[in-house]
Amino acid sequence: MSQSSHAAEAREPAAGNQPDPSSEADSLQQAALQQLRNCREQVDVAIRERPATAVMTLFGVGLGVGFLASKLIAPAQRRSTHQMITDHITKAVRDVLPNSLR
């Protein structure tokens, strides 16, 4: 072979040397699954070592999620304490005063 044909082969990879996209995706998937297994094992060990801490943590997370869900679901009823007291006093005064003074 001449030098020009060697240079062309160096620039273009052979058909068998090209990476297969599906095998790369499979290897990435396997790596992600292995990392997920490792994380799960670490969580299992932490729960076994400190079960009370795990229960209290999950209880707190549950309270937080429940609080956020209730704020998203329930309609926003925002009345200030001042407004509620003012309305209560106004109603009490109206009930006490005779109709002629209103």
C-alpha atoms as a PDB file:
ATOM      1  CA  MET A   1       0.000   0.000   0.000  1.00  0.00           C
ATOM      2  CA  SER A   2       1.074   3.516  -0.600  1.00  0.00           C
ATOM      3  CA  GLN A   3       1.321   6.237   1.985  1.00  0.00           C
ATOM      4  CA  SER A   4      -1.838   7.945   0.715  1.00  0.00           C
ATOM      5  CA  SER A   5      -3.924   4.782   1.265  1.00  0.00           C
ATOM      6  CA  HIS A   6      -2.537   4.421   4.823  1.00  0.00           C
ATOM      7  CA  ALA A   7      -3.493   8.034   5.582  1.00  0.00           C
ATOM      8  CA  ALA A   8      -7.052   7.468   4.293  1.00  0.00           C
ATOM      9  CA  GLU A   9      -7.433   4.376   6.506  1.00  0.00           C
ATOM     10  CA  ALA A  10      -6.212   6.340   9.537  1.00  0.00           C
ATOM     11  CA  ARG A  11      -8.816   9.062   8.975  1.00  0.00           C
ATOM     12  CA  GLU A  12     -11.782   6.722   8.446  1.00  0.00           C
ATOM     13  CA  PRO A  13     -12.398   3.972  10.994  1.00  0.00           C
ATOM     14  CA  ALA A  14     -13.116   0.568   9.630  1.00  0.00           C
ATOM     15  CA  ALA A  15     -16.755  -0.562   9.575  1.00  0.00           C
ATOM     16  CA  GLY A  16     -16.123  -3.070  12.384  1.00  0.00           C
ATOM     17  CA  ASN A  17     -14.465  -0.466  14.650  1.00  0.00           C
ATOM     18  CA  GLN A  18     -17.399   1.972  14.842  1.00  0.00           C
ATOM     19  CA  PRO A  19     -19.105   1.985  18.232  1.00  0.00           C
ATOM     20  CA  ASP A  20     -22.560   0.466  18.281  1.00  0.00           C
ATOM     21  CA  PRO A  21     -25.049   2.986  19.736  1.00  0.00           C
ATOM     22  CA  SER A  22     -27.216   0.239  21.219  1.00  0.00           C
ATOM     23  CA  SER A  23     -24.263  -1.347  23.029  1.00  0.00           C
ATOM     24  CA  GLU A  24     -23.268   2.053  24.438  1.00  0.00           C
ATOM     25  CA  ALA A  25     -26.836   2.583  25.654  1.00  0.00           C
ATOM     26  CA  ASP A  26     -26.849  -0.894  27.195  1.00  0.00           C
ATOM     27  CA  SER A  27     -23.570  -0.252  28.995  1.00  0.00           C
ATOM     28  CA  LEU A  28     -24.855   3.104  30.297  1.00  0.00           C
ATOM     29  CA  GLN A  29     -28.040   1.425  31.459  1.00  0.00           C
ATOM     30  CA  GLN A  30     -26.064  -1.301  33.230  1.00  0.00           C
ATOM     31  CA  ALA A  31     -23.853   1.315  34.906  1.00  0.00           C
ATOM     32  CA  ALA A  32     -26.921   3.252  36.080  1.00  0.00           C
ATOM     33  CA  LEU A  33     -28.531   0.087  37.428  1.00  0.00           C
ATOM     34  CA  GLN A  34     -25.343  -0.827  39.298  1.00  0.00           C
ATOM     35  CA  GLN A  35     -25.156   2.644  40.815  1.00  0.00           C
ATOM     36  CA  LEU A  36     -28.824   2.372  41.841  1.00  0.00           C
ATOM     37  CA  ARG A  37     -28.118  -0.985  43.508  1.00  0.00           C
ATOM     38  CA  ASN A  38     -25.169   0.536  45.395  1.00  0.00           C
ATOM     39  CA  CYS A  39     -27.311   3.429  46.635  1.00  0.00           C
ATOM     40  CA  ARG A  40     -30.044   1.036  47.730  1.00  0.00           C
ATOM     41  CA  GLU A  41     -27.528  -1.042  49.669  1.00  0.00           C
ATOM     42  CA  GLN A  42     -26.219   2.081  51.411  1.00  0.00           C
ATOM     43  CA  VAL A  43     -29.761   3.063  52.394  1.00  0.00           C
ATOM     44  CA  ASP A  44     -30.442  -0.448  53.690  1.00  0.00           C
ATOM     45  CA  VAL A  45     -27.298  -0.319  55.828  1.00  0.00           C
ATOM     46  CA  ALA A  46     -28.182   3.134  57.187  1.00  0.00           C
ATOM     47  CA  ILE A  47     -31.694   1.974  58.108  1.00  0.00           C
ATOM     48  CA  ARG A  48     -30.356  -1.137  59.847  1.00  0.00           C
ATOM     49  CA  GLU A  49     -27.799   0.906  61.801  1.00  0.00           C
ATOM     50  CA  ARG A  50     -30.214   3.668  62.877  1.00  0.00           C
ATOM     51  CA  PRO A  51     -33.844   2.532  62.597  1.00  0.00           C
ATOM     52  CA  ALA A  52     -35.280   5.215  64.904  1.00  0.00           C
ATOM     53  CA  THR A  53     -33.569   7.984  62.938  1.00  0.00           C
ATOM     54  CA  ALA A  54     -34.903   6.506  59.692  1.00  0.00           C
ATOM     55  CA  VAL A  55     -38.462   6.360  61.044  1.00  0.00           C
ATOM     56  CA  MET A  56     -38.352   9.926  62.352  1.00  0.00           C
ATOM     57  CA  THR A  57     -36.862  11.200  59.099  1.00  0.00           C
ATOM     58  CA  LEU A  58     -39.552   9.537  57.026  1.00  0.00           C
ATOM     59  CA  PHE A  59     -42.216  10.823  59.429  1.00  0.00           C
ATOM     60  CA  GLY A  60     -40.921  14.366  58.941  1.00  0.00           C
ATOM     61  CA  VAL A  61     -40.793  13.954  55.179  1.00  0.00           C
ATOM     62  CA  GLY A  62     -44.371  12.647  55.242  1.00  0.00           C
ATOM     63  CA  LEU A  63     -45.522  15.648  57.255  1.00  0.00           C
ATOM     64  CA  GLY A  64     -43.818  17.997  54.820  1.00  0.00           C
ATOM     65  CA  VAL A  65     -45.291  16.316  51.765  1.00  0.00           C
ATOM     66  CA  GLY A  66     -48.730  16.281  53.375  1.00  0.00           C
ATOM     67  CA  PHE A  67     -48.471  19.966  54.251  1.00  0.00           C
ATOM     68  CA  LEU A  68     -47.446  20.892  50.711  1.00  0.00           C
ATOM     69  CA  ALA A  69     -50.189  18.732  49.208  1.00  0.00           C
ATOM     70  CA  SER A  70     -52.815  20.345  51.441  1.00  0.00           C
ATOM     71  CA  LYS A  71     -51.644  23.816  50.404  1.00  0.00           C
ATOM     72  CA  LEU A  72     -51.855  22.864  46.739  1.00  0.00           C
ATOM     73  CA  ILE A  73     -55.277  21.213  47.024  1.00  0.00           C
ATOM     74  CA  ALA A  74     -57.093  23.491  49.495  1.00  0.00           C
ATOM     75  CA  PRO A  75     -58.217  26.905  48.298  1.00  0.00           C
ATOM     76  CA  ALA A  76     -56.247  29.790  49.663  1.00  0.00           C
ATOM     77  CA  GLN A  77     -58.279  31.440  52.407  1.00  0.00           C
ATOM     78  CA  ARG A  78     -56.158  34.316  53.543  1.00  0.00           C
ATOM     79  CA  ARG A  79     -57.722  36.562  56.128  1.00  0.00           C
ATOM     80  CA  SER A  80     -55.463  38.386  58.461  1.00  0.00           C
ATOM     81  CA  THR A  81     -55.903  38.066  62.181  1.00  0.00           C
ATOM     82  CA  HIS A  82     -56.622  41.788  62.290  1.00  0.00           C
ATOM     83  CA  GLN A  83     -59.447  41.438  59.772  1.00  0.00           C
ATOM     84  CA  MET A  84     -60.980  38.504  61.653  1.00  0.00           C
ATOM     85  CA  ILE A  85     -60.913  40.429  64.967  1.00  0.00           C
ATOM     86  CA  THR A  86     -62.377  43.536  63.325  1.00  0.00           C
ATOM     87  CA  ASP A  87     -65.220  41.518  61.796  1.00  0.00           C
ATOM     88  CA  HIS A  88     -65.941  39.819  65.121  1.00  0.00           C
ATOM     89  CA  ILE A  89     -66.051  43.123  67.049  1.00  0.00           C
ATOM     90  CA  THR A  90     -68.216  44.780  64.393  1.00  0.00           C
ATOM     91  CA  LYS A  91     -70.713  41.937  64.538  1.00  0.00           C
ATOM     92  CA  ALA A  92     -70.782  42.021  68.345  1.00  0.00           C
ATOM     93  CA  VAL A  93     -71.393  45.788  68.388  1.00  0.00           C
ATOM     94  CA  ARG A  94     -74.199  45.494  65.801  1.00  0.00           C
ATOM     95  CA  ASP A  95     -75.881  42.804  67.882  1.00  0.00           C
ATOM     96  CA  VAL A  96     -75.770  44.964  71.026  1.00  0.00           C
ATOM     97  CA  LEU A  97     -76.807  48.343  69.547  1.00  0.00           C
ATOM     98  CA  PRO A  98     -80.454  48.974  68.978  1.00  0.00           C
ATOM     99  CA  ASN A  99     -81.640  49.330  65.389  1.00  0.00           C
ATOM    100  CA  SER A 100     -82.309  53.078  65.899  1.00  0.00           C
ATOM    101  CA  LEU A 101     -78.592  53.786  66.423  1.00  0.00           C
ATOM    102  CA  ARG A 102     -77.427  51.938  63.354  1.00  0.00           C
END
